[in-house]
C-alpha atoms as a PDB file:
ATOM      1  CA  UNK A   1     -17.978  60.871 -10.725  1.00  0.00           C
ATOM      2  CA  UNK A   2     -16.948  58.556 -13.596  1.00  0.00           C
ATOM      3  CA  UNK A   3     -17.241  54.834 -13.091  1.00  0.00           C
ATOM      4  CA  UNK A   4     -14.160  53.938 -15.141  1.00  0.00           C
ATOM      5  CA  UNK A   5     -10.448  54.433 -14.481  1.00  0.00           C
ATOM      6  CA  UNK A   6      -7.547  54.237 -16.859  1.00  0.00           C
ATOM      7  CA  UNK A   7      -5.291  51.158 -16.448  1.00  0.00           C
ATOM      8  CA  UNK A   8      -2.198  51.757 -14.341  1.00  0.00           C
ATOM      9  CA  UNK A   9       0.759  49.379 -14.370  1.00  0.00           C
ATOM     10  CA  UNK A  10       1.588  48.442 -10.768  1.00  0.00           C
ATOM     11  CA  UNK A  11       3.874  45.444 -10.830  1.00  0.00           C
ATOM     12  CA  UNK A  12       1.548  42.508 -10.495  1.00  0.00           C
ATOM     13  CA  UNK A  13      -1.402  44.755  -9.599  1.00  0.00           C
ATOM     14  CA  UNK A  14      -3.181  46.232 -12.610  1.00  0.00           C
ATOM     15  CA  UNK A  15      -6.163  48.518 -12.033  1.00  0.00           C
ATOM     16  CA  UNK A  16      -8.215  47.492 -15.039  1.00  0.00           C
ATOM     17  CA  UNK A  17     -10.884  49.543 -16.785  1.00  0.00           C
ATOM     18  CA  UNK A  18     -14.467  49.120 -15.658  1.00  0.00           C
ATOM     19  CA  UNK A  19     -13.365  47.973 -12.198  1.00  0.00           C
ATOM     20  CA  UNK A  20     -15.955  47.512  -9.492  1.00  0.00           C
ATOM     21  CA  UNK A  21     -16.466  50.779  -7.615  1.00  0.00           C
ATOM     22  CA  UNK A  22     -16.961  48.859  -4.377  1.00  0.00           C
ATOM     23  CA  UNK A  23     -13.588  47.205  -4.937  1.00  0.00           C
ATOM     24  CA  UNK A  24     -11.642  50.245  -6.156  1.00  0.00           C
ATOM     25  CA  UNK A  25     -12.756  52.786  -3.562  1.00  0.00           C
ATOM     26  CA  UNK A  26     -12.452  52.707   0.178  1.00  0.00           C
ATOM     27  CA  UNK A  27     -15.690  52.449   2.209  1.00  0.00           C
ATOM     28  CA  UNK A  28     -15.281  56.027   3.486  1.00  0.00           C
ATOM     29  CA  UNK A  29     -15.315  57.240  -0.129  1.00  0.00           C
ATOM     30  CA  UNK A  30     -18.631  55.492  -0.732  1.00  0.00           C
ATOM     31  CA  UNK A  31     -20.046  57.065   2.422  1.00  0.00           C
ATOM     32  CA  UNK A  32     -19.241  60.531   1.012  1.00  0.00           C
ATOM     33  CA  UNK A  33     -21.786  60.028  -1.753  1.00  0.00           C
ATOM     34  CA  UNK A  34     -20.242  57.831  -4.463  1.00  0.00           C
ATOM     35  CA  UNK A  35     -22.805  55.346  -5.721  1.00  0.00           C
ATOM     36  CA  UNK A  36     -22.392  52.671  -8.379  1.00  0.00           C
ATOM     37  CA  UNK A  37     -25.208  53.069 -10.924  1.00  0.00           C
ATOM     38  CA  UNK A  38     -24.824  49.504 -12.228  1.00  0.00           C
ATOM     39  CA  UNK A  39     -27.012  46.572 -11.218  1.00  0.00           C
ATOM     40  CA  UNK A  40     -25.836  43.738  -8.984  1.00  0.00           C
ATOM     41  CA  UNK A  41     -25.470  41.386 -11.945  1.00  0.00           C
ATOM     42  CA  UNK A  42     -23.319  43.901 -13.806  1.00  0.00           C
ATOM     43  CA  UNK A  43     -21.138  44.406 -10.739  1.00  0.00           C
ATOM     44  CA  UNK A  44     -20.738  40.642 -10.357  1.00  0.00           C
ATOM     45  CA  UNK A  45     -19.741  40.274 -14.020  1.00  0.00           C
ATOM     46  CA  UNK A  46     -17.120  42.996 -13.609  1.00  0.00           C
ATOM     47  CA  UNK A  47     -15.865  41.359 -10.412  1.00  0.00           C
ATOM     48  CA  UNK A  48     -15.636  37.965 -12.156  1.00  0.00           C
ATOM     49  CA  UNK A  49     -13.872  39.482 -15.154  1.00  0.00           C
ATOM     50  CA  UNK A  50     -11.352  41.116 -12.845  1.00  0.00           C
ATOM     51  CA  UNK A  51     -10.641  37.773 -11.161  1.00  0.00           C
ATOM     52  CA  UNK A  52     -10.066  36.143 -14.545  1.00  0.00           C
ATOM     53  CA  UNK A  53      -7.682  38.874 -15.643  1.00  0.00           C
ATOM     54  CA  UNK A  54      -5.734  38.856 -12.368  1.00  0.00           C
ATOM     55  CA  UNK A  55      -5.504  35.042 -12.382  1.00  0.00           C
ATOM     56  CA  UNK A  56      -4.145  35.003 -15.933  1.00  0.00           C
ATOM     57  CA  UNK A  57      -1.805  37.906 -15.223  1.00  0.00           C
ATOM     58  CA  UNK A  58      -0.463  36.207 -12.054  1.00  0.00           C
ATOM     59  CA  UNK A  59       0.220  32.993 -13.949  1.00  0.00           C
ATOM     60  CA  UNK A  60       2.117  34.833 -16.679  1.00  0.00           C
ATOM     61  CA  UNK A  61       4.128  36.899 -14.202  1.00  0.00           C
ATOM     62  CA  UNK A  62       5.381  33.734 -12.491  1.00  0.00           C
ATOM     63  CA  UNK A  63       7.258  32.841 -15.645  1.00  0.00           C
ATOM     64  CA  UNK A  64       8.855  36.269 -15.863  1.00  0.00           C
ATOM     65  CA  UNK A  65      10.939  34.927 -12.957  1.00  0.00           C
ATOM     66  CA  UNK A  66      11.303  31.272 -14.039  1.00  0.00           C
ATOM     67  CA  UNK A  67      14.196  30.344 -11.735  1.00  0.00           C
ATOM     68  CA  UNK A  68      12.545  31.408  -8.473  1.00  0.00           C
ATOM     69  CA  UNK A  69       9.164  30.061  -9.570  1.00  0.00           C
ATOM     70  CA  UNK A  70      10.575  26.653 -10.542  1.00  0.00           C
ATOM     71  CA  UNK A  71      12.548  26.415  -7.296  1.00  0.00           C
ATOM     72  CA  UNK A  72       9.399  27.147  -5.282  1.00  0.00           C
ATOM     73  CA  UNK A  73       7.372  24.580  -7.240  1.00  0.00           C
ATOM     74  CA  UNK A  74      10.052  21.889  -6.871  1.00  0.00           C
ATOM     75  CA  UNK A  75      10.393  22.569  -3.147  1.00  0.00           C
ATOM     76  CA  UNK A  76       6.628  22.295  -2.675  1.00  0.00           C
ATOM     77  CA  UNK A  77       6.593  19.076  -4.698  1.00  0.00           C
ATOM     78  CA  UNK A  78       9.348  17.417  -2.669  1.00  0.00           C
ATOM     79  CA  UNK A  79       7.859  18.597   0.634  1.00  0.00           C
ATOM     80  CA  UNK A  80       4.472  17.035  -0.122  1.00  0.00           C
ATOM     81  CA  UNK A  81       5.728  13.949  -1.963  1.00  0.00           C
ATOM     82  CA  UNK A  82       7.674  12.677   1.067  1.00  0.00           C
ATOM     83  CA  UNK A  83       4.714  12.251   3.484  1.00  0.00           C
ATOM     84  CA  UNK A  84       2.486  10.868   0.724  1.00  0.00           C
ATOM     85  CA  UNK A  85       5.161   8.336  -0.256  1.00  0.00           C
ATOM     86  CA  UNK A  86       5.617   7.273   3.382  1.00  0.00           C
ATOM     87  CA  UNK A  87       1.854   6.932   3.830  1.00  0.00           C
ATOM     88  CA  UNK A  88       1.427   4.632   0.838  1.00  0.00           C
ATOM     89  CA  UNK A  89       4.576   2.713   1.799  1.00  0.00           C
ATOM     90  CA  UNK A  90       3.251   2.069   5.315  1.00  0.00           C
ATOM     91  CA  UNK A  91      -0.120   1.013   3.951  1.00  0.00           C
ATOM     92  CA  UNK A  92       1.533  -1.510   1.644  1.00  0.00           C
ATOM     93  CA  UNK A  93       3.901  -2.775   4.337  1.00  0.00           C
ATOM     94  CA  UNK A  94       0.925  -3.410   6.597  1.00  0.00           C
ATOM     95  CA  UNK A  95      -0.003  -6.314   4.315  1.00  0.00           C
ATOM     96  CA  UNK A  96       2.955  -8.234   5.743  1.00  0.00           C
ATOM     97  CA  UNK A  97       1.365  -8.291   9.186  1.00  0.00           C
ATOM     98  CA  UNK A  98      -2.326  -8.469   8.307  1.00  0.00           C
ATOM     99  CA  UNK A  99      -1.788 -11.297   5.838  1.00  0.00           C
ATOM    100  CA  UNK A 100       0.066 -13.430   8.390  1.00  0.00           C
ATOM    101  CA  UNK A 101      -1.914 -15.505  10.840  1.00  0.00           C
ATOM    102  CA  UNK A 102      -0.566 -14.697  14.280  1.00  0.00           C
ATOM    103  CA  UNK A 103       0.375 -17.716  16.348  1.00  0.00           C
ATOM    104  CA  UNK A 104       0.119 -20.179  13.470  1.00  0.00           C
ATOM    105  CA  UNK A 105       2.462 -22.555  15.310  1.00  0.00           C
ATOM    106  CA  UNK A 106       3.973 -22.753  18.779  1.00  0.00           C
ATOM    107  CA  UNK A 107       7.337 -24.395  19.275  1.00  0.00           C
ATOM    108  CA  UNK A 108       7.542 -25.812  22.801  1.00  0.00           C
ATOM    109  CA  UNK A 109      11.021 -26.913  23.911  1.00  0.00           C
ATOM    110  CA  UNK A 110      10.756 -29.297  26.839  1.00  0.00           C
ATOM    111  CA  UNK A 111      13.147 -29.665  29.732  1.00  0.00           C
ATOM    112  CA  UNK A 112      16.243 -31.689  28.716  1.00  0.00           C
ATOM    113  CA  UNK A 113      15.415 -34.213  31.461  1.00  0.00           C
ATOM    114  CA  UNK A 114      12.048 -35.063  29.819  1.00  0.00           C
ATOM    115  CA  UNK A 115      12.297 -38.165  27.645  1.00  0.00           C
ATOM    116  CA  UNK A 116      10.557 -38.732  24.338  1.00  0.00           C
ATOM    117  CA  UNK A 117       8.133 -41.253  25.897  1.00  0.00           C
ATOM    118  CA  UNK A 118       7.143 -38.815  28.634  1.00  0.00           C
ATOM    119  CA  UNK A 119       6.649 -36.088  26.043  1.00  0.00           C
ATOM    120  CA  UNK A 120       4.355 -38.317  23.945  1.00  0.00           C
ATOM    121  CA  UNK A 121       2.258 -39.171  26.979  1.00  0.00           C
ATOM    122  CA  UNK A 122       1.930 -35.521  27.923  1.00  0.00           C
ATOM    123  CA  UNK A 123       1.029 -34.662  24.332  1.00  0.00           C
ATOM    124  CA  UNK A 124      -1.896 -37.109  24.454  1.00  0.00           C
ATOM    125  CA  UNK A 125      -3.224 -35.391  27.572  1.00  0.00           C
ATOM    126  CA  UNK A 126      -2.862 -31.961  25.911  1.00  0.00           C
ATOM    127  CA  UNK A 127      -4.942 -33.030  22.899  1.00  0.00           C
ATOM    128  CA  UNK A 128      -8.021 -32.717  25.106  1.00  0.00           C
ATOM    129  CA  UNK A 129      -7.359 -28.969  25.425  1.00  0.00           C
ATOM    130  CA  UNK A 130     -10.018 -27.106  23.362  1.00  0.00           C
ATOM    131  CA  UNK A 131      -7.466 -24.440  22.312  1.00  0.00           C
ATOM    132  CA  UNK A 132      -5.157 -26.968  20.608  1.00  0.00           C
ATOM    133  CA  UNK A 133      -5.810 -28.218  17.093  1.00  0.00           C
ATOM    134  CA  UNK A 134      -2.867 -30.613  16.686  1.00  0.00           C
ATOM    135  CA  UNK A 135       0.425 -31.600  18.354  1.00  0.00           C
ATOM    136  CA  UNK A 136       3.565 -32.972  16.709  1.00  0.00           C
ATOM    137  CA  UNK A 137       6.329 -34.432  18.888  1.00  0.00           C
ATOM    138  CA  UNK A 138       9.889 -34.243  17.564  1.00  0.00           C
ATOM    139  CA  UNK A 139      12.099 -36.671  19.480  1.00  0.00           C
ATOM    140  CA  UNK A 140      15.634 -35.949  20.611  1.00  0.00           C
ATOM    141  CA  UNK A 141      17.063 -38.167  17.889  1.00  0.00           C
ATOM    142  CA  UNK A 142      15.003 -36.490  15.144  1.00  0.00           C
ATOM    143  CA  UNK A 143      15.941 -33.075  16.482  1.00  0.00           C
ATOM    144  CA  UNK A 144      19.619 -33.986  16.485  1.00  0.00           C
ATOM    145  CA  UNK A 145      19.403 -35.259  12.909  1.00  0.00           C
ATOM    146  CA  UNK A 146      17.653 -32.082  11.716  1.00  0.00           C
ATOM    147  CA  UNK A 147      20.116 -29.833  13.521  1.00  0.00           C
ATOM    148  CA  UNK A 148      23.112 -31.760  12.199  1.00  0.00           C
ATOM    149  CA  UNK A 149      21.817 -31.474   8.622  1.00  0.00           C
ATOM    150  CA  UNK A 150      21.473 -27.705   8.881  1.00  0.00           C
ATOM    151  CA  UNK A 151      24.514 -26.993  11.036  1.00  0.00           C
ATOM    152  CA  UNK A 152      28.224 -26.845  10.290  1.00  0.00           C
ATOM    153  CA  UNK A 153      29.135 -28.469  13.615  1.00  0.00           C
ATOM    154  CA  UNK A 154      27.562 -31.840  12.875  1.00  0.00           C
ATOM    155  CA  UNK A 155      30.897 -33.627  13.488  1.00  0.00           C
ATOM    156  CA  UNK A 156      31.140 -32.106  16.940  1.00  0.00           C
ATOM    157  CA  UNK A 157      27.565 -33.165  17.770  1.00  0.00           C
ATOM    158  CA  UNK A 158      28.278 -36.754  16.785  1.00  0.00           C
ATOM    159  CA  UNK A 159      31.251 -36.819  19.136  1.00  0.00           C
ATOM    160  CA  UNK A 160      29.159 -35.915  22.184  1.00  0.00           C
ATOM    161  CA  UNK A 161      28.350 -38.727  24.608  1.00  0.00           C
ATOM    162  CA  UNK A 162      24.868 -37.339  25.391  1.00  0.00           C
ATOM    163  CA  UNK A 163      22.329 -35.826  23.051  1.00  0.00           C
ATOM    164  CA  UNK A 164      21.966 -32.115  24.030  1.00  0.00           C
ATOM    165  CA  UNK A 165      18.856 -31.531  21.871  1.00  0.00           C
ATOM    166  CA  UNK A 166      15.619 -31.430  23.926  1.00  0.00           C
ATOM    167  CA  UNK A 167      12.282 -32.850  22.835  1.00  0.00           C
ATOM    168  CA  UNK A 168      10.311 -30.419  20.718  1.00  0.00           C
ATOM    169  CA  UNK A 169       6.531 -30.182  20.581  1.00  0.00           C
ATOM    170  CA  UNK A 170       5.024 -28.280  17.648  1.00  0.00           C
ATOM    171  CA  UNK A 171       1.536 -27.164  18.683  1.00  0.00           C
ATOM    172  CA  UNK A 172      -0.966 -25.660  16.270  1.00  0.00           C
ATOM    173  CA  UNK A 173      -3.545 -23.570  18.170  1.00  0.00           C
ATOM    174  CA  UNK A 174      -7.138 -23.143  17.066  1.00  0.00           C
ATOM    175  CA  UNK A 175      -7.387 -19.463  17.973  1.00  0.00           C
ATOM    176  CA  UNK A 176      -5.599 -16.714  16.086  1.00  0.00           C
ATOM    177  CA  UNK A 177      -4.532 -15.222  19.424  1.00  0.00           C
ATOM    178  CA  UNK A 178      -2.795 -17.998  21.394  1.00  0.00           C
ATOM    179  CA  UNK A 179      -1.654 -15.798  24.297  1.00  0.00           C
ATOM    180  CA  UNK A 180      -3.745 -17.711  26.839  1.00  0.00           C
ATOM    181  CA  UNK A 181      -2.363 -21.041  25.609  1.00  0.00           C
ATOM    182  CA  UNK A 182       1.200 -19.693  25.713  1.00  0.00           C
ATOM    183  CA  UNK A 183       0.779 -18.579  29.313  1.00  0.00           C
ATOM    184  CA  UNK A 184      -0.624 -21.988  30.253  1.00  0.00           C
ATOM    185  CA  UNK A 185       2.286 -23.853  28.654  1.00  0.00           C
ATOM    186  CA  UNK A 186       4.908 -21.629  30.299  1.00  0.00           C
ATOM    187  CA  UNK A 187       3.509 -22.585  33.713  1.00  0.00           C
ATOM    188  CA  UNK A 188       4.044 -26.311  33.137  1.00  0.00           C
ATOM    189  CA  UNK A 189       7.062 -27.900  34.781  1.00  0.00           C
ATOM    190  CA  UNK A 190       7.937 -29.943  31.659  1.00  0.00           C
ATOM    191  CA  UNK A 191       8.334 -26.809  29.501  1.00  0.00           C
ATOM    192  CA  UNK A 192      11.602 -24.959  29.143  1.00  0.00           C
ATOM    193  CA  UNK A 193      10.888 -22.434  26.348  1.00  0.00           C
ATOM    194  CA  UNK A 194       7.731 -21.515  24.383  1.00  0.00           C
ATOM    195  CA  UNK A 195       8.421 -19.743  21.098  1.00  0.00           C
ATOM    196  CA  UNK A 196       5.783 -18.394  18.702  1.00  0.00           C
ATOM    197  CA  UNK A 197       6.622 -17.924  15.032  1.00  0.00           C
ATOM    198  CA  UNK A 198       4.806 -14.594  14.964  1.00  0.00           C
ATOM    199  CA  UNK A 199       7.509 -12.725  16.855  1.00  0.00           C
ATOM    200  CA  UNK A 200       8.725 -10.924  13.759  1.00  0.00           C
ATOM    201  CA  UNK A 201       5.128 -10.001  12.898  1.00  0.00           C
ATOM    202  CA  UNK A 202       4.650  -8.402  16.298  1.00  0.00           C
ATOM    203  CA  UNK A 203       7.860  -6.455  15.844  1.00  0.00           C
ATOM    204  CA  UNK A 204       6.721  -5.355  12.392  1.00  0.00           C
ATOM    205  CA  UNK A 205       3.389  -4.156  13.768  1.00  0.00           C
ATOM    206  CA  UNK A 206       5.155  -2.139  16.459  1.00  0.00           C
ATOM    207  CA  UNK A 207       7.460  -0.686  13.811  1.00  0.00           C
ATOM    208  CA  UNK A 208       4.499   0.244  11.600  1.00  0.00           C
ATOM    209  CA  UNK A 209       2.735   1.976  14.489  1.00  0.00           C
ATOM    210  CA  UNK A 210       5.865   3.997  15.183  1.00  0.00           C
ATOM    211  CA  UNK A 211       6.147   4.731  11.465  1.00  0.00           C
ATOM    212  CA  UNK A 212       2.589   6.068  11.329  1.00  0.00           C
ATOM    213  CA  UNK A 213       3.307   8.543  14.107  1.00  0.00           C
ATOM    214  CA  UNK A 214       6.583   9.527  12.480  1.00  0.00           C
ATOM    215  CA  UNK A 215       4.772   9.998   9.169  1.00  0.00           C
ATOM    216  CA  UNK A 216       2.280  12.344  10.834  1.00  0.00           C
ATOM    217  CA  UNK A 217       5.143  14.393  12.263  1.00  0.00           C
ATOM    218  CA  UNK A 218       6.837  14.523   8.850  1.00  0.00           C
ATOM    219  CA  UNK A 219       3.591  15.586   7.153  1.00  0.00           C
ATOM    220  CA  UNK A 220       3.105  18.391   9.678  1.00  0.00           C
ATOM    221  CA  UNK A 221       6.687  19.565   9.219  1.00  0.00           C
ATOM    222  CA  UNK A 222       6.529  19.474   5.425  1.00  0.00           C
ATOM    223  CA  UNK A 223       3.221  21.358   5.384  1.00  0.00           C
ATOM    224  CA  UNK A 224       4.742  24.049   7.592  1.00  0.00           C
ATOM    225  CA  UNK A 225       7.700  24.311   5.227  1.00  0.00           C
ATOM    226  CA  UNK A 226       5.358  24.892   2.261  1.00  0.00           C
ATOM    227  CA  UNK A 227       3.555  27.671   4.124  1.00  0.00           C
ATOM    228  CA  UNK A 228       6.825  29.327   5.180  1.00  0.00           C
ATOM    229  CA  UNK A 229       8.297  29.169   1.678  1.00  0.00           C
ATOM    230  CA  UNK A 230       5.282  30.866   0.100  1.00  0.00           C
ATOM    231  CA  UNK A 231       5.004  33.340   2.986  1.00  0.00           C
ATOM    232  CA  UNK A 232       8.593  34.514   2.582  1.00  0.00           C
ATOM    233  CA  UNK A 233       8.355  34.613  -1.209  1.00  0.00           C
ATOM    234  CA  UNK A 234       5.167  36.682  -1.079  1.00  0.00           C
ATOM    235  CA  UNK A 235       6.694  38.991   1.514  1.00  0.00           C
ATOM    236  CA  UNK A 236       9.621  39.712  -0.809  1.00  0.00           C
ATOM    237  CA  UNK A 237       7.206  40.384  -3.685  1.00  0.00           C
ATOM    238  CA  UNK A 238       5.253  42.841  -1.545  1.00  0.00           C
ATOM    239  CA  UNK A 239       8.427  44.663  -0.489  1.00  0.00           C
ATOM    240  CA  UNK A 240       9.694  44.832  -4.077  1.00  0.00           C
ATOM    241  CA  UNK A 241       6.390  46.296  -5.249  1.00  0.00           C
ATOM    242  CA  UNK A 242       5.802  48.653  -2.317  1.00  0.00           C
ATOM    243  CA  UNK A 243       5.993  51.718  -4.608  1.00  0.00           C
ATOM    244  CA  UNK A 244       3.410  50.297  -7.009  1.00  0.00           C
ATOM    245  CA  UNK A 245       1.157  49.413  -4.099  1.00  0.00           C
ATOM    246  CA  UNK A 246       1.288  52.992  -2.819  1.00  0.00           C
ATOM    247  CA  UNK A 247       0.393  54.355  -6.265  1.00  0.00           C
ATOM    248  CA  UNK A 248      -2.542  51.943  -6.576  1.00  0.00           C
ATOM    249  CA  UNK A 249      -3.847  52.975  -3.163  1.00  0.00           C
ATOM    250  CA  UNK A 250      -3.694  56.642  -4.205  1.00  0.00           C
ATOM    251  CA  UNK A 251      -6.202  55.809  -6.932  1.00  0.00           C
ATOM    252  CA  UNK A 252      -8.558  54.164  -4.440  1.00  0.00           C
ATOM    253  CA  UNK A 253      -7.566  50.485  -4.650  1.00  0.00           C
ATOM    254  CA  UNK A 254      -8.839  48.552  -1.647  1.00  0.00           C
ATOM    255  CA  UNK A 255      -6.894  46.036   0.422  1.00  0.00           C
ATOM    256  CA  UNK A 256      -8.813  43.135  -1.147  1.00  0.00           C
ATOM    257  CA  UNK A 257      -8.006  44.404  -4.610  1.00  0.00           C
ATOM    258  CA  UNK A 258      -4.290  44.778  -3.789  1.00  0.00           C
ATOM    259  CA  UNK A 259      -3.860  41.365  -2.208  1.00  0.00           C
ATOM    260  CA  UNK A 260      -5.648  39.477  -5.022  1.00  0.00           C
ATOM    261  CA  UNK A 261      -2.607  39.106  -7.364  1.00  0.00           C
ATOM    262  CA  UNK A 262      -0.448  37.739  -4.549  1.00  0.00           C
ATOM    263  CA  UNK A 263      -3.120  35.229  -3.550  1.00  0.00           C
ATOM    264  CA  UNK A 264      -3.434  33.994  -7.125  1.00  0.00           C
ATOM    265  CA  UNK A 265       0.352  33.648  -7.335  1.00  0.00           C
ATOM    266  CA  UNK A 266       0.262  31.415  -4.249  1.00  0.00           C
ATOM    267  CA  UNK A 267      -2.623  29.473  -5.766  1.00  0.00           C
ATOM    268  CA  UNK A 268      -0.730  28.755  -8.995  1.00  0.00           C
ATOM    269  CA  UNK A 269       2.472  27.790  -7.167  1.00  0.00           C
ATOM    270  CA  UNK A 270       0.564  25.352  -4.963  1.00  0.00           C
ATOM    271  CA  UNK A 271      -1.283  23.835  -7.909  1.00  0.00           C
ATOM    272  CA  UNK A 272       1.933  23.284  -9.857  1.00  0.00           C
ATOM    273  CA  UNK A 273       3.711  21.990  -6.739  1.00  0.00           C
ATOM    274  CA  UNK A 274       0.945  19.439  -6.139  1.00  0.00           C
ATOM    275  CA  UNK A 275       1.317  18.122  -9.686  1.00  0.00           C
ATOM    276  CA  UNK A 276       5.077  17.797  -9.171  1.00  0.00           C
ATOM    277  CA  UNK A 277       4.493  15.955  -5.875  1.00  0.00           C
ATOM    278  CA  UNK A 278       2.136  13.523  -7.597  1.00  0.00           C
ATOM    279  CA  UNK A 279       4.702  12.815 -10.312  1.00  0.00           C
ATOM    280  CA  UNK A 280       7.445  12.256  -7.735  1.00  0.00           C
ATOM    281  CA  UNK A 281       5.300   9.781  -5.794  1.00  0.00           C
ATOM    282  CA  UNK A 282       4.633   7.652  -8.871  1.00  0.00           C
ATOM    283  CA  UNK A 283       8.281   7.719  -9.956  1.00  0.00           C
ATOM    284  CA  UNK A 284       9.404   6.723  -6.457  1.00  0.00           C
ATOM    285  CA  UNK A 285       7.167   3.658  -6.385  1.00  0.00           C
ATOM    286  CA  UNK A 286       8.270   2.593  -9.844  1.00  0.00           C
ATOM    287  CA  UNK A 287      11.810   2.671  -8.506  1.00  0.00           C
ATOM    288  CA  UNK A 288      11.303   0.777  -5.203  1.00  0.00           C
ATOM    289  CA  UNK A 289       8.330  -1.509  -5.895  1.00  0.00           C
ATOM    290  CA  UNK A 290      10.339  -4.405  -7.374  1.00  0.00           C
ATOM    291  CA  UNK A 291      12.977  -4.597  -4.573  1.00  0.00           C
ATOM    292  CA  UNK A 292      10.299  -4.391  -1.873  1.00  0.00           C
ATOM    293  CA  UNK A 293       8.223  -7.118  -3.525  1.00  0.00           C
ATOM    294  CA  UNK A 294      11.320  -9.345  -3.673  1.00  0.00           C
ATOM    295  CA  UNK A 295      11.925  -8.716   0.027  1.00  0.00           C
ATOM    296  CA  UNK A 296       8.332  -9.677   0.830  1.00  0.00           C
ATOM    297  CA  UNK A 297       8.627 -12.919  -1.137  1.00  0.00           C
ATOM    298  CA  UNK A 298      11.664 -13.804   0.963  1.00  0.00           C
ATOM    299  CA  UNK A 299       9.318 -13.808   3.972  1.00  0.00           C
ATOM    300  CA  UNK A 300       6.775 -15.962   2.175  1.00  0.00           C
ATOM    301  CA  UNK A 301       4.179 -13.305   1.464  1.00  0.00           C
ATOM    302  CA  UNK A 302       3.119 -10.982  -1.327  1.00  0.00           C
ATOM    303  CA  UNK A 303       3.501  -7.233  -1.190  1.00  0.00           C
ATOM    304  CA  UNK A 304       1.709  -4.954  -3.618  1.00  0.00           C
ATOM    305  CA  UNK A 305       1.279  -1.198  -3.425  1.00  0.00           C
ATOM    306  CA  UNK A 306      -2.053   0.257  -4.425  1.00  0.00           C
ATOM    307  CA  UNK A 307      -1.698   3.363  -6.546  1.00  0.00           C
ATOM    308  CA  UNK A 308      -3.338   6.574  -5.453  1.00  0.00           C
ATOM    309  CA  UNK A 309      -7.039   6.703  -6.177  1.00  0.00           C
ATOM    310  CA  UNK A 310      -8.668   9.640  -7.918  1.00  0.00           C
ATOM    311  CA  UNK A 311      -9.909  10.930  -4.562  1.00  0.00           C
ATOM    312  CA  UNK A 312      -6.425  10.774  -3.050  1.00  0.00           C
ATOM    313  CA  UNK A 313      -4.941  12.548  -6.069  1.00  0.00           C
ATOM    314  CA  UNK A 314      -7.578  15.263  -5.738  1.00  0.00           C
ATOM    315  CA  UNK A 315      -6.876  15.587  -2.007  1.00  0.00           C
ATOM    316  CA  UNK A 316      -3.160  16.013  -2.680  1.00  0.00           C
ATOM    317  CA  UNK A 317      -3.751  18.744  -5.278  1.00  0.00           C
ATOM    318  CA  UNK A 318      -6.278  20.563  -3.080  1.00  0.00           C
ATOM    319  CA  UNK A 319      -4.014  20.356  -0.009  1.00  0.00           C
ATOM    320  CA  UNK A 320      -1.011  21.663  -1.922  1.00  0.00           C
ATOM    321  CA  UNK A 321      -3.021  24.540  -3.388  1.00  0.00           C
ATOM    322  CA  UNK A 322      -4.551  25.450  -0.035  1.00  0.00           C
ATOM    323  CA  UNK A 323      -1.232  25.434   1.864  1.00  0.00           C
ATOM    324  CA  UNK A 324       0.387  27.677  -0.737  1.00  0.00           C
ATOM    325  CA  UNK A 325      -2.607  30.013  -0.869  1.00  0.00           C
ATOM    326  CA  UNK A 326      -2.694  30.141   2.939  1.00  0.00           C
ATOM    327  CA  UNK A 327       0.973  31.125   3.061  1.00  0.00           C
ATOM    328  CA  UNK A 328       0.303  33.961   0.609  1.00  0.00           C
ATOM    329  CA  UNK A 329      -2.753  35.032   2.614  1.00  0.00           C
ATOM    330  CA  UNK A 330      -0.716  35.264   5.820  1.00  0.00           C
ATOM    331  CA  UNK A 331       1.930  37.344   4.036  1.00  0.00           C
ATOM    332  CA  UNK A 332      -0.625  39.782   2.604  1.00  0.00           C
ATOM    333  CA  UNK A 333      -2.401  40.000   5.951  1.00  0.00           C
ATOM    334  CA  UNK A 334       0.828  40.785   7.757  1.00  0.00           C
ATOM    335  CA  UNK A 335       2.970  42.768   5.297  1.00  0.00           C
ATOM    336  CA  UNK A 336       0.583  44.454   2.829  1.00  0.00           C
ATOM    337  CA  UNK A 337       0.115  48.079   3.986  1.00  0.00           C
END
């Protein structure tokens, strides 16, 4: 029995000369007495050479159909760029909350019946509280003057017989978490309203937590889309080359040998799609970084987005390649006869 076969054109499946006998023939053929006379190292070299030839051939065949290949690559790129962009965006937005000291000041509005003198006396007694660093009392007159300067109804306020502005106490707590102090102040009869200036930070943190879960859902959905796109594309390729597959199997090609070109096609599409996704992520941040930084400065903080590290870039490329290869593997497992 000769150990070489003549090359046969089979779509994207070429049976090359000097192919591995263990790859070209079914196991039942080997059991009937066929034995490869070559050493293990020679068989491995032939196997490696076949992989190189199939990989190169699969890459070239993608560009015989440039429209469908480019559409698949662009779709993979957009599908993976969206969750990566959201992930980096959430990480950068988290600086707004982590860089802000929660409970930096408490604004305590006293009951309108409490006078400025009574408020000052109560403030002196509160200074003994170990959770309070400092207290500033804003009298009714000072509050009215500040409100009139910043309001458009200052003329109306001057015409009132009684000052409607209550006494304000600005308390600076020592602890970063002033929840215990807030609860204590709300229980006092002199207090009407206790307002912390970290309310918007708490809302931002809740929004970021919801965004992280939404980002995970988007990433799962986009990954599934990549797998489905490659699965359907590979299925169509298998159906279009069904005749060539049958001819190759008549000459003893194994299932592993037949599925190899399709797997390499999925590999190349995923690799190219990952590169497109990486480019889209960088272009997106170039576009939105300046407006977002301006928005952060309006809230008195700095916002800077860290670019993807080398490890993150490598993870994106590997993930894209694996998802595409996995979609092709499922298609060959299900539809290759």
